[in-house]
Protein backbone atom coordinates (compact mmCIF):
# COMPACT_ATOMS: atom_id res chain seq x y z
CA MET A 1 0.00 0.00 0.00
CA LEU A 2 2.75 2.45 0.95
CA GLU A 3 4.61 1.51 -2.24
CA VAL A 4 1.61 2.71 -4.26
CA LEU A 5 1.51 6.01 -2.41
CA LEU A 6 5.22 6.58 -2.91
CA ARG A 7 5.16 5.47 -6.54
CA ASP A 8 2.42 8.00 -7.28
CA SER A 9 4.24 10.75 -5.42
CA PRO A 10 6.47 13.16 -7.37
CA ALA A 11 9.04 13.29 -4.55
CA THR A 12 10.29 9.94 -3.28
CA GLY A 13 13.91 10.53 -2.29
CA SER A 14 14.47 11.09 1.43
CA GLN A 15 15.84 14.60 0.89
CA SER A 16 12.95 15.52 -1.42
CA LEU A 17 10.45 14.16 1.08
CA ALA A 18 12.15 16.04 3.91
CA ALA A 19 11.90 19.27 1.91
CA LEU A 20 8.27 18.55 1.10
CA LEU A 21 7.52 17.87 4.76
CA GLU A 22 9.18 21.17 5.64
CA GLN A 23 6.95 22.97 3.12
CA VAL A 24 3.85 21.28 4.54
CA ALA A 25 4.92 22.33 8.04
CA ARG A 26 5.46 25.91 6.81
CA SER A 27 1.99 25.92 5.24
CA VAL A 28 0.40 24.72 8.47
CA HIS A 29 2.48 27.27 10.40
CA GLY A 30 1.37 30.04 8.03
CA LEU A 31 -2.30 29.17 8.48
CA CYS A 32 -1.87 29.44 12.25
CA PHE A 33 -1.18 33.19 12.27
CA HIS A 34 -4.80 33.92 13.03
CA ASP A 35 -6.91 36.11 15.30
CA GLY A 36 -3.83 38.03 16.45
CA LEU A 37 -2.17 34.87 17.80
CA HIS A 38 1.06 33.22 16.72
CA PRO A 39 1.21 29.49 15.87
CA VAL A 40 2.96 28.63 19.16
CA GLN A 41 0.19 30.39 21.07
CA TRP A 42 -2.42 28.27 19.30
CA SER A 43 -0.37 25.17 20.16
CA ALA A 44 -0.30 26.28 23.80
CA LEU A 45 -4.06 26.81 23.89
CA ARG A 46 -4.63 23.35 22.42
CA PHE A 47 -2.19 21.87 24.94
CA PHE A 48 -3.89 23.46 27.96
CA ALA A 49 -7.31 22.43 26.65
CA ARG A 50 -6.31 18.75 26.34
CA ALA A 51 -3.47 18.03 28.78
CA PRO A 52 -4.10 16.21 32.04
CA SER A 53 -4.36 18.59 34.99
CA ARG A 54 -0.96 17.54 36.40
CA ASP A 55 0.77 18.58 33.13
CA ARG A 56 -0.85 22.01 32.80
CA THR A 57 2.25 23.95 33.82
CA VAL A 58 4.85 26.02 32.01
CA SER A 59 7.18 23.02 32.32
CA GLY A 60 4.54 20.76 30.79
CA LEU A 61 4.09 23.17 27.91
CA ALA A 62 7.86 23.44 27.39
CA LEU A 63 8.15 19.66 27.22
CA HIS A 64 5.19 19.43 24.83
CA LEU A 65 6.59 22.12 22.52
CA GLY A 66 10.17 20.88 22.74
CA VAL A 67 11.44 24.24 23.96
CA THR A 68 13.12 25.54 27.10
CA GLN A 69 11.30 27.23 30.00
CA PRO A 70 11.79 30.88 28.94
CA PRO A 71 9.94 30.71 25.59
CA ALA A 72 7.19 28.59 27.15
CA SER A 73 6.89 31.13 29.96
CA ARG A 74 6.68 34.02 27.47
CA THR A 75 3.95 32.19 25.56
CA VAL A 76 1.93 31.62 28.74
CA SER A 77 2.45 35.25 29.83
CA ALA A 78 1.20 36.55 26.47
CA LEU A 79 -1.91 34.36 26.67
CA VAL A 80 -2.53 35.38 30.29
CA ALA A 81 -2.26 39.05 29.22
CA ARG A 82 -4.80 38.35 26.47
CA GLY A 83 -7.15 36.75 28.99
CA ALA A 84 -7.02 33.32 27.34
CA LEU A 85 -5.21 31.62 30.25
CA THR A 86 -4.85 31.98 33.99
CA ALA A 87 -1.68 31.02 35.85
CA GLU A 88 -1.80 30.50 39.60
CA VAL A 89 0.92 29.38 41.98
CA ASP A 90 0.57 25.65 42.70
CA ALA A 91 -0.41 25.10 46.32
CA ASN A 92 1.69 21.91 46.42
CA ASP A 93 4.78 23.37 44.73
CA ARG A 94 5.21 27.12 45.01
CA ARG A 95 7.91 27.05 42.29
CA SER A 96 5.31 25.97 39.75
CA LYS A 97 2.23 27.63 38.30
CA ARG A 98 -0.95 25.78 37.36
CA VAL A 99 -2.23 27.06 34.03
CA SER A 100 -5.88 26.95 33.01
CA LEU A 101 -7.85 27.90 29.96
CA THR A 102 -10.36 30.72 30.51
CA ARG A 103 -13.72 31.11 28.80
CA ALA A 104 -12.00 33.54 26.43
CA GLY A 105 -9.42 30.85 25.64
CA GLU A 106 -12.18 28.30 25.03
CA ALA A 107 -13.90 30.81 22.72
CA LEU A 108 -10.67 31.30 20.77
CA LEU A 109 -10.33 27.55 20.28
CA LEU A 110 -13.73 27.50 18.57
CA HIS A 111 -11.92 29.31 15.73
CA ASP A 112 -8.65 27.36 15.96
CA PRO A 113 -6.97 27.56 12.54
CA ILE A 114 -5.77 23.96 12.87
CA GLN A 115 -9.36 23.04 12.03
CA ARG A 116 -8.66 24.18 8.46
CA VAL A 117 -5.77 21.73 8.30
CA GLY A 118 -8.08 19.02 9.62
CA GLN A 119 -10.59 19.82 6.87
CA VAL A 120 -7.89 19.38 4.23
CA ILE A 121 -6.79 16.10 5.83
CA GLN A 122 -10.42 14.91 5.74
CA THR A 123 -10.28 15.03 1.94
CA LEU A 124 -7.81 12.12 1.92
CA ASP A 125 -9.18 8.69 1.14
CA PRO A 126 -9.14 6.13 4.00
CA VAL A 127 -5.94 4.44 2.77
CA GLN A 128 -4.09 7.76 2.55
CA LEU A 129 -5.44 8.82 5.93
CA ALA A 130 -4.29 5.59 7.62
CA ALA A 131 -0.87 5.79 5.96
CA LEU A 132 -0.44 9.45 6.92
CA GLY A 133 -1.32 8.75 10.56
CA SER A 134 1.04 5.81 10.77
CA ILE A 135 3.90 7.61 9.05
CA LEU A 136 3.53 10.79 11.12
CA ASP A 137 3.52 8.76 14.35
CA VAL A 138 6.79 7.07 13.40
CA LEU A 139 8.39 10.30 12.16
CA GLN A 140 7.44 12.20 15.32
CA ALA A 141 8.79 9.48 17.60
CA ARG A 142 12.07 9.28 15.68
CA LEU A 143 12.47 13.07 15.48
CA VAL A 144 11.88 13.39 19.22
CA LEU A 145 14.53 10.72 19.72
CA GLU A 146 16.89 12.69 17.46
CA LEU A 147 16.21 15.90 19.38
CA ARG A 148 16.96 14.12 22.64
CA GLY A 149 20.37 13.04 21.39
CA GLY A 150 19.35 9.42 20.99
CA ARG A 151 17.76 9.09 24.43
CA THR A 152 14.31 7.52 24.28
CA PRO A 153 11.60 9.59 26.02
CA ILE A 154 10.01 7.87 28.99
CA GLY A 155 7.14 5.65 27.91
CA GLN A 156 8.26 5.28 24.29
CA SER A 157 10.13 2.46 22.63
CA GLU A 158 13.04 3.04 20.28
CA THR A 159 11.30 1.08 17.54
CA SER A 160 8.41 3.54 17.29
């Protein structure tokens, strides 16, 4: 099945596919400059809407985004200033802040530009959709491994 998809694709070399993936990522990124928010801010809103309560911290966001604490903190601060998030000192750990989505943040997510990407993905046939999901899962796991200098993240196997 994958052979058919690759055979029909104009770019099949690994470097060509990497460049194509970069262009797709740039297109998605470009669509996410919306409603006065930057793409990372949309990612943060989605994270705080879906993450388990224990992970809704600046540290949790930094880990999710693959960035250090300062940019994650700036992102949270900008969204707090906009009224989309609240950040309160954690009663159990005063060094940490618990971050929550506000009603304004929930309202913003109703117009999340990633929905447009989802609509485009919905146009794929079931075989393409299954292949895309499987391939993206493997690529993400391997890229995270690469970013971590070959160290497997907790809870993931190296064969992912």
